[in-house]
N, C-alpha and C. Protein backbone atom coordinates (compact mmCIF):
# COMPACT_ATOMS: atom_id res chain seq x y z
N THR A 1 -3.34 16.09 -20.12
CA THR A 1 -2.06 15.98 -20.67
C THR A 1 -1.53 16.27 -19.43
N GLN A 2 -0.45 15.46 -19.46
CA GLN A 2 1.08 15.54 -18.52
C GLN A 2 2.21 16.53 -18.97
N PRO A 3 2.77 17.09 -18.35
CA PRO A 3 3.56 18.25 -18.85
C PRO A 3 4.87 17.33 -18.96
N GLU A 4 5.33 17.52 -19.92
CA GLU A 4 6.89 16.83 -20.41
C GLU A 4 8.00 16.87 -19.63
N LEU A 5 8.52 16.04 -19.32
CA LEU A 5 9.67 15.67 -18.37
C LEU A 5 11.04 16.61 -19.35
N GLN A 6 11.82 17.43 -18.85
CA GLN A 6 12.85 17.75 -19.47
C GLN A 6 14.27 17.09 -18.57
N VAL A 7 15.01 16.28 -19.77
CA VAL A 7 16.83 16.01 -19.02
C VAL A 7 17.36 17.09 -19.35
N THR A 8 18.25 17.24 -18.34
CA THR A 8 18.87 17.87 -18.30
C THR A 8 20.72 17.15 -18.02
N ARG A 9 21.23 17.41 -18.60
CA ARG A 9 22.68 16.34 -18.77
C ARG A 9 23.66 17.50 -18.10
N ARG A 10 24.54 16.68 -16.82
CA ARG A 10 25.23 17.73 -16.17
C ARG A 10 26.51 17.03 -17.07
N GLU A 11 28.01 17.82 -16.52
CA GLU A 11 28.76 17.17 -17.02
C GLU A 11 29.79 16.07 -16.49
N ASP A 12 29.18 15.86 -15.01
CA ASP A 12 29.51 14.55 -14.65
C ASP A 12 29.26 13.57 -14.46
N ASP A 13 28.13 13.23 -15.77
CA ASP A 13 27.11 12.31 -16.20
C ASP A 13 27.61 11.22 -17.04
N ASP A 14 28.67 11.52 -17.67
CA ASP A 14 29.12 10.96 -18.80
C ASP A 14 30.13 9.84 -18.47
N PHE A 15 30.79 9.77 -17.24
CA PHE A 15 31.07 8.73 -16.35
C PHE A 15 32.70 8.40 -17.47
N SER A 16 33.31 9.93 -17.74
CA SER A 16 34.43 9.81 -18.43
C SER A 16 35.30 9.58 -17.36
N ASP A 17 35.35 9.81 -15.99
CA ASP A 17 36.39 9.73 -15.17
C ASP A 17 36.55 8.18 -14.69
N VAL A 18 35.69 7.38 -15.32
CA VAL A 18 35.72 6.12 -14.81
C VAL A 18 36.58 5.30 -15.75
N ARG A 19 37.65 4.74 -15.32
CA ARG A 19 38.38 3.48 -16.32
C ARG A 19 37.48 2.40 -16.89
N ASP A 20 37.78 1.70 -17.87
CA ASP A 20 37.22 0.42 -18.67
C ASP A 20 37.36 -0.30 -17.46
N GLU A 21 38.25 -0.56 -17.01
CA GLU A 21 39.12 -1.68 -16.53
C GLU A 21 37.94 -2.11 -15.44
N ASP A 22 37.66 -1.04 -14.72
CA ASP A 22 36.78 -0.93 -13.58
C ASP A 22 35.22 -1.17 -13.94
N ILE A 23 34.76 -0.68 -14.94
CA ILE A 23 33.39 -1.15 -15.45
C ILE A 23 33.67 -2.57 -15.72
N ASP A 24 34.34 -3.07 -16.59
CA ASP A 24 34.84 -4.34 -16.89
C ASP A 24 34.74 -5.51 -15.58
N GLY A 25 35.19 -4.86 -14.31
CA GLY A 25 35.24 -5.88 -13.18
C GLY A 25 34.02 -6.05 -12.35
N TYR A 26 33.14 -5.23 -12.83
CA TYR A 26 31.79 -5.24 -12.69
C TYR A 26 30.70 -5.70 -13.46
N LEU A 27 31.23 -6.29 -14.81
CA LEU A 27 30.64 -7.22 -15.58
C LEU A 27 30.73 -8.43 -15.64
N ILE A 28 29.67 -9.56 -15.77
CA ILE A 28 30.26 -10.96 -15.67
C ILE A 28 30.42 -11.09 -17.30
N THR A 29 31.41 -11.77 -17.79
CA THR A 29 31.56 -12.13 -19.26
C THR A 29 31.96 -13.31 -19.31
N ASN A 30 32.42 -14.03 -18.26
CA ASN A 30 32.86 -15.41 -18.72
C ASN A 30 31.45 -16.38 -18.09
N GLU A 31 31.40 -17.26 -19.19
CA GLU A 31 30.14 -17.73 -18.93
C GLU A 31 30.36 -18.81 -18.04
N VAL A 32 31.13 -19.53 -17.48
CA VAL A 32 31.41 -20.23 -16.56
C VAL A 32 31.23 -19.79 -14.97
N GLU A 33 31.13 -18.35 -14.79
CA GLU A 33 31.02 -17.59 -13.71
C GLU A 33 29.50 -17.48 -13.78
N VAL A 34 29.07 -17.26 -14.98
CA VAL A 34 27.57 -17.04 -15.07
C VAL A 34 27.16 -18.25 -14.59
N THR A 35 27.27 -19.35 -15.33
CA THR A 35 26.75 -20.55 -14.80
C THR A 35 26.76 -20.87 -13.36
N MET A 36 27.69 -20.29 -12.58
CA MET A 36 28.06 -21.06 -11.41
C MET A 36 27.27 -20.08 -10.36
N LYS A 37 27.20 -18.37 -10.74
CA LYS A 37 26.34 -18.07 -10.03
C LYS A 37 24.80 -18.11 -10.04
N THR A 38 24.35 -18.48 -11.48
CA THR A 38 22.98 -18.67 -11.74
C THR A 38 22.67 -20.19 -10.83
N GLN A 39 23.57 -21.06 -10.37
CA GLN A 39 23.49 -22.16 -9.56
C GLN A 39 23.24 -22.05 -8.35
N ILE A 40 24.22 -21.13 -7.80
CA ILE A 40 24.38 -20.55 -6.36
C ILE A 40 23.08 -19.96 -5.74
N TRP A 41 22.45 -19.11 -6.81
CA TRP A 41 21.49 -18.49 -6.55
C TRP A 41 20.10 -19.21 -6.31
N GLU A 42 19.86 -20.18 -7.59
CA GLU A 42 18.68 -21.03 -7.52
C GLU A 42 18.62 -22.24 -6.04
N GLU A 43 20.10 -22.53 -5.72
CA GLU A 43 20.47 -23.12 -5.03
C GLU A 43 19.68 -22.44 -2.99
N LEU A 44 20.09 -21.06 -3.31
CA LEU A 44 19.98 -20.46 -2.34
C LEU A 44 18.46 -19.96 -1.84
N ASN A 45 17.49 -20.30 -3.09
CA ASN A 45 16.22 -19.73 -3.28
C ASN A 45 15.42 -20.89 -3.60
N LYS A 46 15.87 -22.00 -3.28
CA LYS A 46 15.20 -23.13 -3.90
C LYS A 46 13.57 -23.23 -3.34
N ASP A 47 13.49 -23.21 -2.09
CA ASP A 47 12.00 -23.02 -1.51
C ASP A 47 11.23 -21.74 -2.36
N TYR A 48 11.51 -20.58 -2.98
CA TYR A 48 11.15 -20.05 -3.21
C TYR A 48 10.52 -20.32 -4.78
N LEU A 49 11.39 -20.97 -5.42
CA LEU A 49 11.30 -21.39 -6.94
C LEU A 49 10.54 -22.68 -6.71
N ASP A 50 10.30 -23.49 -5.56
CA ASP A 50 9.35 -24.80 -5.53
C ASP A 50 8.06 -23.85 -5.45
N ILE A 51 7.81 -22.72 -4.70
CA ILE A 51 6.27 -22.52 -4.43
C ILE A 51 5.99 -21.89 -5.57
N LEU A 52 6.84 -21.14 -6.44
CA LEU A 52 6.60 -20.53 -7.86
C LEU A 52 6.25 -21.27 -8.70
N ALA A 53 7.00 -22.66 -8.75
CA ALA A 53 6.49 -23.51 -9.57
C ALA A 53 5.32 -24.37 -9.56
N ALA A 54 4.87 -24.52 -8.13
CA ALA A 54 3.70 -25.11 -7.59
C ALA A 54 2.45 -24.03 -7.82
N LYS A 55 2.61 -23.11 -7.86
CA LYS A 55 1.64 -22.07 -8.60
C LYS A 55 1.51 -21.71 -9.95
N GLN A 56 2.30 -22.34 -10.31
CA GLN A 56 2.27 -22.11 -11.90
C GLN A 56 1.61 -23.48 -12.36
N LEU A 57 1.99 -24.50 -11.73
CA LEU A 57 1.43 -25.87 -11.88
C LEU A 57 -0.08 -25.92 -12.00
N ALA A 58 -0.96 -25.19 -10.55
CA ALA A 58 -2.20 -24.50 -10.35
C ALA A 58 -2.96 -23.98 -11.39
N ARG A 59 -2.18 -22.91 -11.72
CA ARG A 59 -2.72 -21.97 -12.68
C ARG A 59 -2.58 -22.67 -14.28
N ASP A 60 -1.93 -23.81 -14.49
CA ASP A 60 -2.09 -24.22 -15.79
C ASP A 60 -3.24 -25.31 -15.51
N GLU A 61 -3.23 -25.90 -14.22
CA GLU A 61 -4.31 -27.09 -14.25
C GLU A 61 -5.93 -26.12 -14.18
N LEU A 62 -5.92 -24.83 -13.79
CA LEU A 62 -7.20 -24.25 -14.14
C LEU A 62 -7.47 -23.85 -15.34
N ILE A 63 -6.78 -23.68 -16.05
CA ILE A 63 -6.56 -23.08 -17.47
C ILE A 63 -6.94 -24.13 -18.02
N ALA A 64 -6.34 -25.49 -18.19
CA ALA A 64 -6.61 -26.81 -18.65
C ALA A 64 -8.47 -27.30 -18.25
N GLN A 65 -8.80 -26.65 -17.08
CA GLN A 65 -10.10 -27.33 -16.99
C GLN A 65 -11.03 -25.98 -17.27
N GLY A 66 -10.33 -25.16 -17.73
CA GLY A 66 -11.18 -24.30 -18.49
C GLY A 66 -11.85 -22.68 -17.48
N LYS A 67 -11.40 -22.92 -16.30
CA LYS A 67 -11.68 -21.65 -15.21
C LYS A 67 -10.28 -20.61 -15.23
N ASP A 68 -11.31 -19.97 -14.76
CA ASP A 68 -10.29 -18.32 -15.25
C ASP A 68 -9.34 -18.30 -14.09
N PRO A 69 -8.26 -18.58 -14.01
CA PRO A 69 -7.05 -18.38 -13.02
C PRO A 69 -7.00 -17.33 -12.26
N ASP A 70 -7.45 -16.36 -12.82
CA ASP A 70 -7.28 -14.89 -12.37
C ASP A 70 -8.68 -14.72 -11.58
N PRO A 71 -9.18 -14.70 -10.36
CA PRO A 71 -10.62 -14.35 -9.86
C PRO A 71 -10.66 -12.46 -10.10
N PRO A 72 -11.87 -12.54 -10.25
CA PRO A 72 -12.26 -11.00 -10.30
C PRO A 72 -12.09 -10.26 -8.86
N LYS A 73 -11.58 -8.99 -8.98
CA LYS A 73 -10.87 -8.11 -7.59
C LYS A 73 -12.51 -7.98 -7.29
N ARG A 74 -12.56 -8.18 -5.80
CA ARG A 74 -13.70 -7.45 -5.53
C ARG A 74 -13.49 -5.89 -5.24
N SER A 75 -14.75 -5.33 -6.01
CA SER A 75 -14.79 -4.06 -6.00
C SER A 75 -15.20 -3.33 -4.60
N LYS A 76 -14.53 -1.91 -4.26
CA LYS A 76 -14.68 -1.55 -3.06
C LYS A 76 -16.14 -0.80 -2.72
N ARG A 77 -17.00 -0.98 -2.01
CA ARG A 77 -18.26 -0.37 -1.84
C ARG A 77 -18.10 1.41 -1.96
N LYS A 78 -18.58 2.15 -2.71
CA LYS A 78 -18.58 3.46 -2.37
C LYS A 78 -19.26 3.90 -0.97
N ARG A 79 -18.93 4.82 -0.31
CA ARG A 79 -19.63 5.74 0.78
C ARG A 79 -20.66 6.20 0.31
N ASP A 80 -22.05 6.07 1.35
CA ASP A 80 -23.01 6.68 0.89
C ASP A 80 -22.80 8.50 1.32
N SER A 81 -23.13 9.15 0.47
CA SER A 81 -22.61 10.29 0.31
C SER A 81 -23.71 11.06 1.43
N THR A 82 -25.06 10.44 1.48
CA THR A 82 -26.31 11.49 2.21
C THR A 82 -26.03 10.93 3.49
N LYS A 83 -25.11 10.17 4.03
CA LYS A 83 -25.00 9.79 5.30
C LYS A 83 -24.09 10.33 5.92
N TYR A 84 -23.17 10.88 5.30
CA TYR A 84 -22.03 11.42 5.91
C TYR A 84 -21.93 13.03 5.33
N GLN A 85 -22.73 14.08 5.87
CA GLN A 85 -22.56 15.31 5.39
C GLN A 85 -21.66 15.83 6.39
N PRO A 86 -20.68 17.08 5.95
CA PRO A 86 -19.86 17.94 6.72
C PRO A 86 -21.04 18.47 7.84
N MET A 87 -20.55 18.68 8.91
CA MET A 87 -21.27 19.41 10.36
C MET A 87 -20.62 20.74 10.20
N GLU A 88 -21.39 21.37 10.79
CA GLU A 88 -21.08 23.24 10.96
C GLU A 88 -20.25 23.77 11.79
N THR A 89 -20.55 23.07 13.06
CA THR A 89 -19.99 23.07 14.42
C THR A 89 -19.18 21.52 14.81
N ALA A 90 -18.69 22.24 15.76
CA ALA A 90 -17.88 20.77 16.50
C ALA A 90 -18.85 20.11 17.38
N ALA A 91 -19.67 20.92 17.89
CA ALA A 91 -21.15 20.20 18.52
C ALA A 91 -21.80 19.47 18.08
N GLU A 92 -22.27 19.98 16.62
CA GLU A 92 -23.17 18.78 15.59
C GLU A 92 -22.30 17.82 15.46
N ALA A 93 -21.09 17.82 15.04
CA ALA A 93 -20.34 16.71 14.91
C ALA A 93 -20.52 15.53 16.19
N THR A 94 -20.04 15.96 17.18
CA THR A 94 -20.32 15.27 18.48
C THR A 94 -21.37 14.82 18.62
N ALA A 95 -22.44 15.36 18.54
CA ALA A 95 -23.78 14.68 18.46
C ALA A 95 -23.93 14.00 17.48
N GLU A 96 -23.50 14.08 16.81
CA GLU A 96 -23.81 12.95 15.58
C GLU A 96 -22.83 11.57 15.99
N ALA A 97 -21.54 11.91 16.38
CA ALA A 97 -20.73 10.70 16.85
C ALA A 97 -21.23 9.95 17.75
N LEU A 98 -21.83 10.83 18.75
CA LEU A 98 -22.68 10.02 20.13
C LEU A 98 -23.85 9.47 19.77
N ARG A 99 -24.89 9.62 18.57
CA ARG A 99 -25.62 8.73 18.32
C ARG A 99 -25.55 7.12 18.57
N LYS A 100 -24.24 6.52 17.91
CA LYS A 100 -23.90 5.17 17.88
C LYS A 100 -23.02 5.07 19.26
N LYS A 101 -23.08 4.40 20.11
CA LYS A 101 -21.92 4.37 21.10
C LYS A 101 -20.82 3.54 21.00
N VAL A 102 -20.30 3.44 20.85
CA VAL A 102 -18.70 2.84 20.15
C VAL A 102 -18.05 2.17 21.74
N SER A 103 -18.24 2.90 22.85
CA SER A 103 -17.30 2.22 24.05
C SER A 103 -18.16 2.25 25.22
N ALA A 104 -17.94 1.40 26.15
CA ALA A 104 -18.58 1.56 27.49
C ALA A 104 -17.59 2.26 28.47
N LYS A 105 -16.30 2.84 27.66
CA LYS A 105 -15.37 3.85 28.47
C LYS A 105 -15.90 5.02 28.90
N ILE A 106 -16.71 5.47 27.85
CA ILE A 106 -16.73 6.43 27.58
C ILE A 106 -17.79 7.18 28.24
N ASN A 107 -17.69 8.42 29.21
CA ASN A 107 -18.89 8.99 29.55
C ASN A 107 -19.97 9.88 28.92
N TYR A 108 -20.56 9.04 28.12
CA TYR A 108 -21.56 10.01 26.92
C TYR A 108 -22.48 10.84 27.93
N ALA A 109 -23.04 11.03 28.61
CA ALA A 109 -23.44 12.07 29.59
C ALA A 109 -22.70 13.43 29.65
N ALA A 110 -21.57 12.93 30.17
CA ALA A 110 -20.40 13.85 30.47
C ALA A 110 -19.96 14.45 29.08
N LEU A 111 -19.98 13.77 28.19
CA LEU A 111 -19.48 14.32 26.95
C LEU A 111 -20.99 15.32 25.77
N GLU A 112 -22.19 14.89 26.36
CA GLU A 112 -23.31 15.67 25.86
C GLU A 112 -23.51 16.86 27.18
N GLY A 113 -22.92 16.93 27.82
CA GLY A 113 -22.86 18.28 28.92
C GLY A 113 -22.24 19.10 28.52
N LEU A 114 -21.25 18.74 27.96
CA LEU A 114 -20.03 19.88 27.28
C LEU A 114 -20.34 20.45 26.02
N PHE A 115 -21.56 19.97 25.18
CA PHE A 115 -21.91 20.84 23.95
C PHE A 115 -23.24 20.94 24.28
N SER A 116 -23.86 21.08 25.42
CA SER A 116 -25.25 21.41 25.75
C SER A 116 -25.16 22.90 25.84
N PRO A 117 -26.36 23.37 25.26
CA PRO A 117 -26.29 24.80 25.83
C PRO A 117 -26.37 25.20 27.09
N PHE A 118 -25.53 26.49 27.65
CA PHE A 118 -25.35 26.71 28.96
C PHE A 118 -26.46 26.57 29.82
N ASP A 119 -26.41 26.27 30.96
CA ASP A 119 -27.52 25.70 31.77
C ASP A 119 -27.18 26.65 33.14
N SER A 120 -27.95 27.76 33.30
CA SER A 120 -27.51 28.76 34.23
C SER A 120 -28.19 27.87 35.95
N SER A 121 -28.52 26.65 35.60
CA SER A 121 -29.04 25.93 37.10
C SER A 121 -27.61 24.98 37.31
N ALA A 122 -26.65 25.06 36.73
CA ALA A 122 -25.68 24.04 37.03
C ALA A 122 -24.51 24.46 37.55
N LYS A 123 -23.58 23.82 38.52
CA LYS A 123 -22.90 24.32 39.34
C LYS A 123 -21.63 24.42 38.54
N PRO A 124 -20.97 25.66 38.56
CA PRO A 124 -19.65 25.88 38.38
C PRO A 124 -18.65 24.80 39.16
N CYS A 125 -17.59 24.39 38.01
CA CYS A 125 -16.72 23.41 38.36
C CYS A 125 -15.91 23.53 39.54
């Protein structure tokens, strides 16, 4: 269930301070102006309209041939939940990441040394 949206009206929402003449100036009421602006828009967007018409024509041809014009969308593969288990420590996560070497520029031996148990024979840095 979705929560109900409450619409609250403020006093300044009624546009009573806007004159009707101002609103009429923004509206296109003249048929000649509508026709003129439509022609201008269509001329400016002629490439888009041509592409749109070609797509519609191809779609109509597929429908006439009895084919589905909308191919089914590929579904995403679900992640194997057993493959990705949460790790307890950063050392475990790093060890898991190190099993698959992804770059030749990473010194994997040094990374393993960071998370291996403390070795008393190792020299301090």
